Amino acid sequence: PGGSLKLSCAASGFTMEYFAVGWFRQAPGKEREGVSCISNSGDTTNY
């Protein structure tokens, strides 16, 4: 607790130029929930 991690998500087989990317998470026994997203240009982020 209180520590840090940096996750990476690498695309393969397609170009990300026109794609927004989201991070989601699912804990045991819970539904998948949204964490954050970033627009294709990187100019827009949501949390």
ModelCIF file with pLDDT and N, C-alpha, C, O atoms, coordinates in Angstrom:
data_MODEL
#
_entry.id   MODEL 
#
_entity.id                         1 
_entity.type                       polymer 
_entity.pdbx_number_of_molecules   1 
#
_entity_poly.entity_id                      1 
_entity_poly.type                           'polypeptide(L)' 
_entity_poly.nstd_linkage                   no 
_entity_poly.nstd_monomer                   no 
_entity_poly.pdbx_seq_one_letter_code       PGGSLKLSCAASGFTMEYFAVGWFRQAPGKEREGVSCISNSGDTTNY 
_entity_poly.pdbx_seq_one_letter_code_can   PGGSLKLSCAASGFTMEYFAVGWFRQAPGKEREGVSCISNSGDTTNY 
_entity_poly.pdbx_strand_id                 A 
#
loop_
_entity_poly_seq.entity_id 
_entity_poly_seq.num 
_entity_poly_seq.mon_id 
_entity_poly_seq.hetero 
1 1  PRO n 
1 2  GLY n 
1 3  GLY n 
1 4  SER n 
1 5  LEU n 
1 6  LYS n 
1 7  LEU n 
1 8  SER n 
1 9  CYS n 
1 10 ALA n 
1 11 ALA n 
1 12 SER n 
1 13 GLY n 
1 14 PHE n 
1 15 THR n 
1 16 MET n 
1 17 GLU n 
1 18 TYR n 
1 19 PHE n 
1 20 ALA n 
1 21 VAL n 
1 22 GLY n 
1 23 TRP n 
1 24 PHE n 
1 25 ARG n 
1 26 GLN n 
1 27 ALA n 
1 28 PRO n 
1 29 GLY n 
1 30 LYS n 
1 31 GLU n 
1 32 ARG n 
1 33 GLU n 
1 34 GLY n 
1 35 VAL n 
1 36 SER n 
1 37 CYS n 
1 38 ILE n 
1 39 SER n 
1 40 ASN n 
1 41 SER n 
1 42 GLY n 
1 43 ASP n 
1 44 THR n 
1 45 THR n 
1 46 ASN n 
1 47 TYR n 
#
_struct_asym.id          A 
_struct_asym.entity_id   1 
#
loop_
_ma_qa_metric.id 
_ma_qa_metric.mode 
_ma_qa_metric.name 
_ma_qa_metric.software_group_id 
_ma_qa_metric.type 
1 global pLDDT . pLDDT 
2 local  pLDDT . pLDDT 
#
_ma_qa_metric_global.metric_id      1 
_ma_qa_metric_global.metric_value   94.53 
_ma_qa_metric_global.model_id       1 
_ma_qa_metric_global.ordinal_id     1 
#
loop_
_ma_qa_metric_local.label_asym_id 
_ma_qa_metric_local.label_comp_id 
_ma_qa_metric_local.label_seq_id 
_ma_qa_metric_local.metric_id 
_ma_qa_metric_local.metric_value 
_ma_qa_metric_local.model_id 
_ma_qa_metric_local.ordinal_id 
A PRO 1  2 98.00 1 1  
A GLY 2  2 98.00 1 2  
A GLY 3  2 98.00 1 3  
A SER 4  2 98.00 1 4  
A LEU 5  2 98.00 1 5  
A LYS 6  2 98.00 1 6  
A LEU 7  2 98.00 1 7  
A SER 8  2 97.00 1 8  
A CYS 9  2 95.00 1 9  
A ALA 10 2 93.00 1 10 
A ALA 11 2 89.00 1 11 
A SER 12 2 84.00 1 12 
A GLY 13 2 83.00 1 13 
A PHE 14 2 81.00 1 14 
A THR 15 2 85.00 1 15 
A MET 16 2 87.00 1 16 
A GLU 17 2 88.00 1 17 
A TYR 18 2 92.00 1 18 
A PHE 19 2 94.00 1 19 
A ALA 20 2 96.00 1 20 
A VAL 21 2 96.00 1 21 
A GLY 22 2 96.00 1 22 
A TRP 23 2 97.00 1 23 
A PHE 24 2 97.00 1 24 
A ARG 25 2 97.00 1 25 
A GLN 26 2 97.00 1 26 
A ALA 27 2 96.00 1 27 
A PRO 28 2 92.00 1 28 
A GLY 29 2 94.00 1 29 
A LYS 30 2 96.00 1 30 
A GLU 31 2 95.00 1 31 
A ARG 32 2 95.00 1 32 
A GLU 33 2 96.00 1 33 
A GLY 34 2 96.00 1 34 
A VAL 35 2 97.00 1 35 
A SER 36 2 98.00 1 36 
A CYS 37 2 97.00 1 37 
A ILE 38 2 97.00 1 38 
A SER 39 2 97.00 1 39 
A ASN 40 2 95.00 1 40 
A SER 41 2 94.00 1 41 
A GLY 42 2 95.00 1 42 
A ASP 43 2 95.00 1 43 
A THR 44 2 97.00 1 44 
A THR 45 2 97.00 1 45 
A ASN 46 2 97.00 1 46 
A TYR 47 2 97.00 1 47 
#
loop_
_atom_site.group_PDB 
_atom_site.id 
_atom_site.type_symbol 
_atom_site.label_atom_id 
_atom_site.label_alt_id 
_atom_site.label_comp_id 
_atom_site.label_asym_id 
_atom_site.label_entity_id 
_atom_site.label_seq_id 
_atom_site.pdbx_PDB_ins_code 
_atom_site.Cartn_x 
_atom_site.Cartn_y 
_atom_site.Cartn_z 
_atom_site.occupancy 
_atom_site.B_iso_or_equiv 
_atom_site.pdbx_formal_charge 
_atom_site.auth_seq_id 
_atom_site.auth_comp_id 
_atom_site.auth_asym_id 
_atom_site.auth_atom_id 
_atom_site.pdbx_PDB_model_num 
ATOM 1   N N  . PRO A 1 1  ? 0.834   -1.213  0.000   1.00 98.00 ? 1  PRO A N  1 
ATOM 2   C CA . PRO A 1 1  ? 0.000   0.000   0.000   1.00 98.00 ? 1  PRO A CA 1 
ATOM 3   C C  . PRO A 1 1  ? 0.863   1.255   0.000   1.00 98.00 ? 1  PRO A C  1 
ATOM 4   O O  . PRO A 1 1  ? 1.858   1.356   0.718   1.00 98.00 ? 1  PRO A O  1 
ATOM 5   N N  . GLY A 1 2  ? 0.452   2.200   -0.823  1.00 98.00 ? 2  GLY A N  1 
ATOM 6   C CA . GLY A 1 2  ? 1.220   3.423   -0.963  1.00 98.00 ? 2  GLY A CA 1 
ATOM 7   C C  . GLY A 1 2  ? 2.276   3.365   -2.041  1.00 98.00 ? 2  GLY A C  1 
ATOM 8   O O  . GLY A 1 2  ? 2.877   4.384   -2.382  1.00 98.00 ? 2  GLY A O  1 
ATOM 9   N N  . GLY A 1 3  ? 2.507   2.194   -2.577  1.00 98.00 ? 3  GLY A N  1 
ATOM 10  C CA . GLY A 1 3  ? 3.523   2.018   -3.618  1.00 98.00 ? 3  GLY A CA 1 
ATOM 11  C C  . GLY A 1 3  ? 3.013   2.372   -4.997  1.00 98.00 ? 3  GLY A C  1 
ATOM 12  O O  . GLY A 1 3  ? 1.883   2.833   -5.160  1.00 98.00 ? 3  GLY A O  1 
ATOM 13  N N  . SER A 1 4  ? 3.868   2.149   -5.996  1.00 98.00 ? 4  SER A N  1 
ATOM 14  C CA . SER A 1 4  ? 3.550   2.520   -7.374  1.00 98.00 ? 4  SER A CA 1 
ATOM 15  C C  . SER A 1 4  ? 3.844   1.372   -8.330  1.00 98.00 ? 4  SER A C  1 
ATOM 16  O O  . SER A 1 4  ? 4.693   0.519   -8.072  1.00 98.00 ? 4  SER A O  1 
ATOM 17  N N  . LEU A 1 5  ? 3.128   1.379   -9.421  1.00 98.00 ? 5  LEU A N  1 
ATOM 18  C CA . LEU A 1 5  ? 3.374   0.475   -10.534 1.00 98.00 ? 5  LEU A CA 1 
ATOM 19  C C  . LEU A 1 5  ? 3.086   1.224   -11.819 1.00 98.00 ? 5  LEU A C  1 
ATOM 20  O O  . LEU A 1 5  ? 2.286   2.159   -11.836 1.00 98.00 ? 5  LEU A O  1 
ATOM 21  N N  . LYS A 1 6  ? 3.738   0.813   -12.892 1.00 98.00 ? 6  LYS A N  1 
ATOM 22  C CA . LYS A 1 6  ? 3.458   1.382   -14.202 1.00 98.00 ? 6  LYS A CA 1 
ATOM 23  C C  . LYS A 1 6  ? 3.112   0.246   -15.155 1.00 98.00 ? 6  LYS A C  1 
ATOM 24  O O  . LYS A 1 6  ? 3.944   -0.610  -15.455 1.00 98.00 ? 6  LYS A O  1 
ATOM 25  N N  . LEU A 1 7  ? 1.884   0.255   -15.618 1.00 98.00 ? 7  LEU A N  1 
ATOM 26  C CA . LEU A 1 7  ? 1.428   -0.750  -16.564 1.00 98.00 ? 7  LEU A CA 1 
ATOM 27  C C  . LEU A 1 7  ? 1.657   -0.274  -17.992 1.00 98.00 ? 7  LEU A C  1 
ATOM 28  O O  . LEU A 1 7  ? 1.589   0.918   -18.291 1.00 98.00 ? 7  LEU A O  1 
ATOM 29  N N  . SER A 1 8  ? 1.930   -1.236  -18.861 1.00 97.00 ? 8  SER A N  1 
ATOM 30  C CA . SER A 1 8  ? 2.101   -0.935  -20.282 1.00 97.00 ? 8  SER A CA 1 
ATOM 31  C C  . SER A 1 8  ? 1.141   -1.775  -21.099 1.00 97.00 ? 8  SER A C  1 
ATOM 32  O O  . SER A 1 8  ? 0.791   -2.893  -20.724 1.00 97.00 ? 8  SER A O  1 
ATOM 33  N N  . CYS A 1 9  ? 0.729   -1.224  -22.205 1.00 95.00 ? 9  CYS A N  1 
ATOM 34  C CA . CYS A 1 9  ? -0.192  -1.897  -23.107 1.00 95.00 ? 9  CYS A CA 1 
ATOM 35  C C  . CYS A 1 9  ? 0.337   -1.691  -24.520 1.00 95.00 ? 9  CYS A C  1 
ATOM 36  O O  . CYS A 1 9  ? 0.303   -0.580  -25.049 1.00 95.00 ? 9  CYS A O  1 
ATOM 37  N N  . ALA A 1 10 ? 0.822   -2.760  -25.125 1.00 93.00 ? 10 ALA A N  1 
ATOM 38  C CA . ALA A 1 10 ? 1.438   -2.663  -26.442 1.00 93.00 ? 10 ALA A CA 1 
ATOM 39  C C  . ALA A 1 10 ? 0.510   -3.250  -27.500 1.00 93.00 ? 10 ALA A C  1 
ATOM 40  O O  . ALA A 1 10 ? -0.016  -4.351  -27.336 1.00 93.00 ? 10 ALA A O  1 
ATOM 41  N N  . ALA A 1 11 ? 0.316   -2.511  -28.576 1.00 89.00 ? 11 ALA A N  1 
ATOM 42  C CA . ALA A 1 11 ? -0.542  -2.971  -29.665 1.00 89.00 ? 11 ALA A CA 1 
ATOM 43  C C  . ALA A 1 11 ? 0.258   -3.789  -30.659 1.00 89.00 ? 11 ALA A C  1 
ATOM 44  O O  . ALA A 1 11 ? 1.427   -3.515  -30.929 1.00 89.00 ? 11 ALA A O  1 
ATOM 45  N N  . SER A 1 12 ? -0.398  -4.790  -31.189 1.00 84.00 ? 12 SER A N  1 
ATOM 46  C CA . SER A 1 12 ? 0.231   -5.644  -32.184 1.00 84.00 ? 12 SER A CA 1 
ATOM 47  C C  . SER A 1 12 ? -0.776  -5.980  -33.263 1.00 84.00 ? 12 SER A C  1 
ATOM 48  O O  . SER A 1 12 ? -1.894  -6.400  -32.963 1.00 84.00 ? 12 SER A O  1 
ATOM 49  N N  . GLY A 1 13 ? -0.389  -5.798  -34.520 1.00 83.00 ? 13 GLY A N  1 
ATOM 50  C CA . GLY A 1 13 ? -1.279  -6.163  -35.610 1.00 83.00 ? 13 GLY A CA 1 
ATOM 51  C C  . GLY A 1 13 ? -2.175  -5.056  -36.097 1.00 83.00 ? 13 GLY A C  1 
ATOM 52  O O  . GLY A 1 13 ? -2.925  -5.257  -37.052 1.00 83.00 ? 13 GLY A O  1 
ATOM 53  N N  . PHE A 1 14 ? -2.127  -3.893  -35.478 1.00 81.00 ? 14 PHE A N  1 
ATOM 54  C CA . PHE A 1 14 ? -2.903  -2.767  -35.961 1.00 81.00 ? 14 PHE A CA 1 
ATOM 55  C C  . PHE A 1 14 ? -2.252  -1.478  -35.460 1.00 81.00 ? 14 PHE A C  1 
ATOM 56  O O  . PHE A 1 14 ? -1.494  -1.471  -34.490 1.00 81.00 ? 14 PHE A O  1 
ATOM 57  N N  . THR A 1 15 ? -2.573  -0.400  -36.149 1.00 85.00 ? 15 THR A N  1 
ATOM 58  C CA . THR A 1 15 ? -2.043  0.887   -35.737 1.00 85.00 ? 15 THR A CA 1 
ATOM 59  C C  . THR A 1 15 ? -3.043  1.593   -34.836 1.00 85.00 ? 15 THR A C  1 
ATOM 60  O O  . THR A 1 15 ? -4.248  1.568   -35.087 1.00 85.00 ? 15 THR A O  1 
ATOM 61  N N  . MET A 1 16 ? -2.539  2.216   -33.798 1.00 87.00 ? 16 MET A N  1 
ATOM 62  C CA . MET A 1 16 ? -3.396  2.840   -32.802 1.00 87.00 ? 16 MET A CA 1 
ATOM 63  C C  . MET A 1 16 ? -3.805  4.254   -33.174 1.00 87.00 ? 16 MET A C  1 
ATOM 64  O O  . MET A 1 16 ? -4.461  4.930   -32.383 1.00 87.00 ? 16 MET A O  1 
ATOM 65  N N  . GLU A 1 17 ? -3.434  4.713   -34.355 1.00 88.00 ? 17 GLU A N  1 
ATOM 66  C CA . GLU A 1 17 ? -3.596  6.117   -34.713 1.00 88.00 ? 17 GLU A CA 1 
ATOM 67  C C  . GLU A 1 17 ? -5.015  6.634   -34.516 1.00 88.00 ? 17 GLU A C  1 
ATOM 68  O O  . GLU A 1 17 ? -5.194  7.761   -34.054 1.00 88.00 ? 17 GLU A O  1 
ATOM 69  N N  . TYR A 1 18 ? -6.031  5.838   -34.855 1.00 92.00 ? 18 TYR A N  1 
ATOM 70  C CA . TYR A 1 18 ? -7.424  6.306   -34.776 1.00 92.00 ? 18 TYR A CA 1 
ATOM 71  C C  . TYR A 1 18 ? -8.178  5.682   -33.613 1.00 92.00 ? 18 TYR A C  1 
ATOM 72  O O  . TYR A 1 18 ? -9.407  5.737   -33.561 1.00 92.00 ? 18 TYR A O  1 
ATOM 73  N N  . PHE A 1 19 ? -7.442  5.089   -32.681 1.00 94.00 ? 19 PHE A N  1 
ATOM 74  C CA . PHE A 1 19 ? -8.084  4.373   -31.591 1.00 94.00 ? 19 PHE A CA 1 
ATOM 75  C C  . PHE A 1 19 ? -7.866  5.060   -30.248 1.00 94.00 ? 19 PHE A C  1 
ATOM 76  O O  . PHE A 1 19 ? -6.744  5.412   -29.883 1.00 94.00 ? 19 PHE A O  1 
ATOM 77  N N  . ALA A 1 20 ? -8.954  5.238   -29.532 1.00 96.00 ? 20 ALA A N  1 
ATOM 78  C CA . ALA A 1 20 ? -8.849  5.565   -28.118 1.00 96.00 ? 20 ALA A CA 1 
ATOM 79  C C  . ALA A 1 20 ? -8.505  4.272   -27.378 1.00 96.00 ? 20 ALA A C  1 
ATOM 80  O O  . ALA A 1 20 ? -8.844  3.178   -27.829 1.00 96.00 ? 20 ALA A O  1 
ATOM 81  N N  . VAL A 1 21 ? -7.840  4.410   -26.256 1.00 96.00 ? 21 VAL A N  1 
ATOM 82  C CA . VAL A 1 21 ? -7.463  3.235   -25.461 1.00 96.00 ? 21 VAL A CA 1 
ATOM 83  C C  . VAL A 1 21 ? -7.933  3.433   -24.027 1.00 96.00 ? 21 VAL A C  1 
ATOM 84  O O  . VAL A 1 21 ? -7.776  4.503   -23.439 1.00 96.00 ? 21 VAL A O  1 
ATOM 85  N N  . GLY A 1 22 ? -8.504  2.386   -23.493 1.00 96.00 ? 22 GLY A N  1 
ATOM 86  C CA . GLY A 1 22 ? -8.966  2.437   -22.119 1.00 96.00 ? 22 GLY A CA 1 
ATOM 87  C C  . GLY A 1 22 ? -8.287  1.384   -21.265 1.00 96.00 ? 22 GLY A C  1 
ATOM 88  O O  . GLY A 1 22 ? -7.877  0.329   -21.750 1.00 96.00 ? 22 GLY A O  1 
ATOM 89  N N  . TRP A 1 23 ? -8.178  1.695   -19.982 1.00 97.00 ? 23 TRP A N  1 
ATOM 90  C CA . TRP A 1 23 ? -7.744  0.711   -18.988 1.00 97.00 ? 23 TRP A CA 1 
ATOM 91  C C  . TRP A 1 23 ? -8.960  0.360   -18.133 1.00 97.00 ? 23 TRP A C  1 
ATOM 92  O O  . TRP A 1 23 ? -9.716  1.234   -17.710 1.00 97.00 ? 23 TRP A O  1 
ATOM 93  N N  . PHE A 1 24 ? -9.127  -0.917  -17.895 1.00 97.00 ? 24 PHE A N  1 
ATOM 94  C CA . PHE A 1 24 ? -10.236 -1.421  -17.106 1.00 97.00 ? 24 PHE A CA 1 
ATOM 95  C C  . PHE A 1 24 ? -9.687  -2.415  -16.092 1.00 97.00 ? 24 PHE A C  1 
ATOM 96  O O  . PHE A 1 24 ? -8.564  -2.900  -16.230 1.00 97.00 ? 24 PHE A O  1 
ATOM 97  N N  . ARG A 1 25 ? -10.480 -2.712  -15.081 1.00 97.00 ? 25 ARG A N  1 
ATOM 98  C CA . ARG A 1 25 ? -10.039 -3.697  -14.096 1.00 97.00 ? 25 ARG A CA 1 
ATOM 99  C C  . ARG A 1 25 ? -11.212 -4.512  -13.601 1.00 97.00 ? 25 ARG A C  1 
ATOM 100 O O  . ARG A 1 25 ? -12.362 -4.073  -13.629 1.00 97.00 ? 25 ARG A O  1 
ATOM 101 N N  . GLN A 1 26 ? -10.889 -5.710  -13.148 1.00 97.00 ? 26 GLN A N  1 
ATOM 102 C CA . GLN A 1 26 ? -11.915 -6.590  -12.608 1.00 97.00 ? 26 GLN A CA 1 
ATOM 103 C C  . GLN A 1 26 ? -11.346 -7.317  -11.405 1.00 97.00 ? 26 GLN A C  1 
ATOM 104 O O  . GLN A 1 26 ? -10.368 -8.058  -11.505 1.00 97.00 ? 26 GLN A O  1 
ATOM 105 N N  . ALA A 1 27 ? -11.976 -7.087  -10.274 1.00 96.00 ? 27 ALA A N  1 
ATOM 106 C CA . ALA A 1 27 ? -11.605 -7.759  -9.037  1.00 96.00 ? 27 ALA A CA 1 
ATOM 107 C C  . ALA A 1 27 ? -12.446 -9.019  -8.887  1.00 96.00 ? 27 ALA A C  1 
ATOM 108 O O  . ALA A 1 27 ? -13.524 -9.107  -9.475  1.00 96.00 ? 27 ALA A O  1 
ATOM 109 N N  . PRO A 1 28 ? -11.985 -9.989  -8.119  1.00 92.00 ? 28 PRO A N  1 
ATOM 110 C CA . PRO A 1 28 ? -12.740 -11.231 -7.935  1.00 92.00 ? 28 PRO A CA 1 
ATOM 111 C C  . PRO A 1 28 ? -14.148 -10.953 -7.425  1.00 92.00 ? 28 PRO A C  1 
ATOM 112 O O  . PRO A 1 28 ? -14.336 -10.230 -6.447  1.00 92.00 ? 28 PRO A O  1 
ATOM 113 N N  . GLY A 1 29 ? -15.126 -11.534 -8.097  1.00 94.00 ? 29 GLY A N  1 
ATOM 114 C CA . GLY A 1 29 ? -16.511 -11.385 -7.680  1.00 94.00 ? 29 GLY A CA 1 
ATOM 115 C C  . GLY A 1 29 ? -17.160 -10.067 -8.031  1.00 94.00 ? 29 GLY A C  1 
ATOM 116 O O  . GLY A 1 29 ? -18.303 -9.813  -7.651  1.00 94.00 ? 29 GLY A O  1 
ATOM 117 N N  . LYS A 1 30 ? -16.445 -9.230  -8.748  1.00 96.00 ? 30 LYS A N  1 
ATOM 118 C CA . LYS A 1 30 ? -16.987 -7.921  -9.117  1.00 96.00 ? 30 LYS A CA 1 
ATOM 119 C C  . LYS A 1 30 ? -17.045 -7.771  -10.637 1.00 96.00 ? 30 LYS A C  1 
ATOM 120 O O  . LYS A 1 30 ? -16.377 -8.492  -11.379 1.00 96.00 ? 30 LYS A O  1 
ATOM 121 N N  . GLU A 1 31 ? -17.853 -6.822  -11.074 1.00 95.00 ? 31 GLU A N  1 
ATOM 122 C CA . GLU A 1 31 ? -17.948 -6.543  -12.501 1.00 95.00 ? 31 GLU A CA 1 
ATOM 123 C C  . GLU A 1 31 ? -16.732 -5.743  -12.963 1.00 95.00 ? 31 GLU A C  1 
ATOM 124 O O  . GLU A 1 31 ? -16.063 -5.068  -12.181 1.00 95.00 ? 31 GLU A O  1 
ATOM 125 N N  . ARG A 1 32 ? -16.480 -5.847  -14.254 1.00 95.00 ? 32 ARG A N  1 
ATOM 126 C CA . ARG A 1 32 ? -15.391 -5.061  -14.834 1.00 95.00 ? 32 ARG A CA 1 
ATOM 127 C C  . ARG A 1 32 ? -15.760 -3.581  -14.764 1.00 95.00 ? 32 ARG A C  1 
ATOM 128 O O  . ARG A 1 32 ? -16.894 -3.198  -15.054 1.00 95.00 ? 32 ARG A O  1 
ATOM 129 N N  . GLU A 1 33 ? -14.799 -2.764  -14.379 1.00 96.00 ? 33 GLU A N  1 
ATOM 130 C CA . GLU A 1 33 ? -15.053 -1.340  -14.269 1.00 96.00 ? 33 GLU A CA 1 
ATOM 131 C C  . GLU A 1 33 ? -13.982 -0.545  -15.016 1.00 96.00 ? 33 GLU A C  1 
ATOM 132 O O  . GLU A 1 33 ? -12.845 -0.987  -15.179 1.00 96.00 ? 33 GLU A O  1 
ATOM 133 N N  . GLY A 1 34 ? -14.383 0.621   -15.452 1.00 96.00 ? 34 GLY A N  1 
ATOM 134 C CA . GLY A 1 34 ? -13.445 1.486   -16.148 1.00 96.00 ? 34 GLY A CA 1 
ATOM 135 C C  . GLY A 1 34 ? -12.530 2.195   -15.176 1.00 96.00 ? 34 GLY A C  1 
ATOM 136 O O  . GLY A 1 34 ? -12.945 2.578   -14.082 1.00 96.00 ? 34 GLY A O  1 
ATOM 137 N N  . VAL A 1 35 ? -11.278 2.371   -15.580 1.00 97.00 ? 35 VAL A N  1 
ATOM 138 C CA . VAL A 1 35 ? -10.282 3.056   -14.771 1.00 97.00 ? 35 VAL A CA 1 
ATOM 139 C C  . VAL A 1 35 ? -9.901  4.388   -15.414 1.00 97.00 ? 35 VAL A C  1 
ATOM 140 O O  . VAL A 1 35 ? -9.945  5.436   -14.770 1.00 97.00 ? 35 VAL A O  1 
ATOM 141 N N  . SER A 1 36 ? -9.533  4.333   -16.675 1.00 98.00 ? 36 SER A N  1 
ATOM 142 C CA . SER A 1 36 ? -9.085  5.533   -17.360 1.00 98.00 ? 36 SER A CA 1 
ATOM 143 C C  . SER A 1 36 ? -9.122  5.295   -18.856 1.00 98.00 ? 36 SER A C  1 
ATOM 144 O O  . SER A 1 36 ? -9.137  4.154   -19.319 1.00 98.00 ? 36 SER A O  1 
ATOM 145 N N  . CYS A 1 37 ? -9.136  6.393   -19.612 1.00 97.00 ? 37 CYS A N  1 
ATOM 146 C CA . CYS A 1 37 ? -9.046  6.271   -21.061 1.00 97.00 ? 37 CYS A CA 1 
ATOM 147 C C  . CYS A 1 37 ? -8.298  7.474   -21.618 1.00 97.00 ? 37 CYS A C  1 
ATOM 148 O O  . CYS A 1 37 ? -8.169  8.511   -20.967 1.00 97.00 ? 37 CYS A O  1 
ATOM 149 N N  . ILE A 1 38 ? -7.807  7.302   -22.848 1.00 97.00 ? 38 ILE A N  1 
ATOM 150 C CA . ILE A 1 38 ? -7.065  8.372   -23.502 1.00 97.00 ? 38 ILE A CA 1 
ATOM 151 C C  . ILE A 1 38 ? -7.464  8.381   -24.967 1.00 97.00 ? 38 ILE A C  1 
ATOM 152 O O  . ILE A 1 38 ? -7.598  7.328   -25.591 1.00 97.00 ? 38 ILE A O  1 
ATOM 153 N N  . SER A 1 39 ? -7.652  9.567   -25.508 1.00 97.00 ? 39 SER A N  1 
ATOM 154 C CA . SER A 1 39 ? -8.078  9.697   -26.895 1.00 97.00 ? 39 SER A CA 1 
ATOM 155 C C  . SER A 1 39 ? -6.957  9.320   -27.854 1.00 97.00 ? 39 SER A C  1 
ATOM 156 O O  . SER A 1 39 ? -5.813  9.125   -27.444 1.00 97.00 ? 39 SER A O  1 
ATOM 157 N N  . ASN A 1 40 ? -7.300  9.221   -29.129 1.00 95.00 ? 40 ASN A N  1 
ATOM 158 C CA . ASN A 1 40 ? -6.312  8.787   -30.114 1.00 95.00 ? 40 ASN A CA 1 
ATOM 159 C C  . ASN A 1 40 ? -5.104  9.722   -30.177 1.00 95.00 ? 40 ASN A C  1 
ATOM 160 O O  . ASN A 1 40 ? -3.980  9.274   -30.403 1.00 95.00 ? 40 ASN A O  1 
ATOM 161 N N  . SER A 1 41 ? -5.333  11.007  -29.978 1.00 94.00 ? 41 SER A N  1 
ATOM 162 C CA . SER A 1 41 ? -4.230  11.973  -30.026 1.00 94.00 ? 41 SER A CA 1 
ATOM 163 C C  . SER A 1 41 ? -3.503  12.100  -28.690 1.00 94.00 ? 41 SER A C  1 
ATOM 164 O O  . SER A 1 41 ? -2.372  12.582  -28.627 1.00 94.00 ? 41 SER A O  1 
ATOM 165 N N  . GLY A 1 42 ? -4.162  11.665  -27.638 1.00 95.00 ? 42 GLY A N  1 
ATOM 166 C CA . GLY A 1 42 ? -3.607  11.842  -26.301 1.00 95.00 ? 42 GLY A CA 1 
ATOM 167 C C  . GLY A 1 42 ? -4.036  13.133  -25.639 1.00 95.00 ? 42 GLY A C  1 
ATOM 168 O O  . GLY A 1 42 ? -3.667  13.396  -24.494 1.00 95.00 ? 42 GLY A O  1 
ATOM 169 N N  . ASP A 1 43 ? -4.813  13.947  -26.346 1.00 95.00 ? 43 ASP A N  1 
ATOM 170 C CA . ASP A 1 43 ? -5.201  15.251  -25.804 1.00 95.00 ? 43 ASP A CA 1 
ATOM 171 C C  . ASP A 1 43 ? -6.294  15.163  -24.751 1.00 95.00 ? 43 ASP A C  1 
ATOM 172 O O  . ASP A 1 43 ? -6.405  16.038  -23.892 1.00 95.00 ? 43 ASP A O  1 
ATOM 173 N N  . THR A 1 44 ? -7.095  14.117  -24.813 1.00 97.00 ? 44 THR A N  1 
ATOM 174 C CA . THR A 1 44 ? -8.205  13.948  -23.878 1.00 97.00 ? 44 THR A CA 1 
ATOM 175 C C  . THR A 1 44 ? -7.985  12.713  -23.028 1.00 97.00 ? 44 THR A C  1 
ATOM 176 O O  . THR A 1 44 ? -7.681  11.637  -23.542 1.00 97.00 ? 44 THR A O  1 
ATOM 177 N N  . THR A 1 45 ? -8.141  12.876  -21.726 1.00 97.00 ? 45 THR A N  1 
ATOM 178 C CA . THR A 1 45 ? -8.071  11.748  -20.800 1.00 97.00 ? 45 THR A CA 1 
ATOM 179 C C  . THR A 1 45 ? -9.248  11.822  -19.842 1.00 97.00 ? 45 THR A C  1 
ATOM 180 O O  . THR A 1 45 ? -9.729  12.906  -19.512 1.00 97.00 ? 45 THR A O  1 
ATOM 181 N N  . ASN A 1 46 ? -9.699  10.674  -19.407 1.00 97.00 ? 46 ASN A N  1 
ATOM 182 C CA . ASN A 1 46 ? -10.771 10.592  -18.425 1.00 97.00 ? 46 ASN A CA 1 
ATOM 183 C C  . ASN A 1 46 ? -10.388 9.553   -17.378 1.00 97.00 ? 46 ASN A C  1 
ATOM 184 O O  . ASN A 1 46 ? -9.669  8.594   -17.662 1.00 97.00 ? 46 ASN A O  1 
ATOM 185 N N  . TYR A 1 47 ? -10.887 9.766   -16.156 1.00 97.00 ? 47 TYR A N  1 
ATOM 186 C CA . TYR A 1 47 ? -10.556 8.870   -15.055 1.00 97.00 ? 47 TYR A CA 1 
ATOM 187 C C  . TYR A 1 47 ? -11.795 8.558   -14.238 1.00 97.00 ? 47 TYR A C  1 
ATOM 188 O O  . TYR A 1 47 ? -11.719 7.814   -13.260 1.00 97.00 ? 47 TYR A O  1 
#
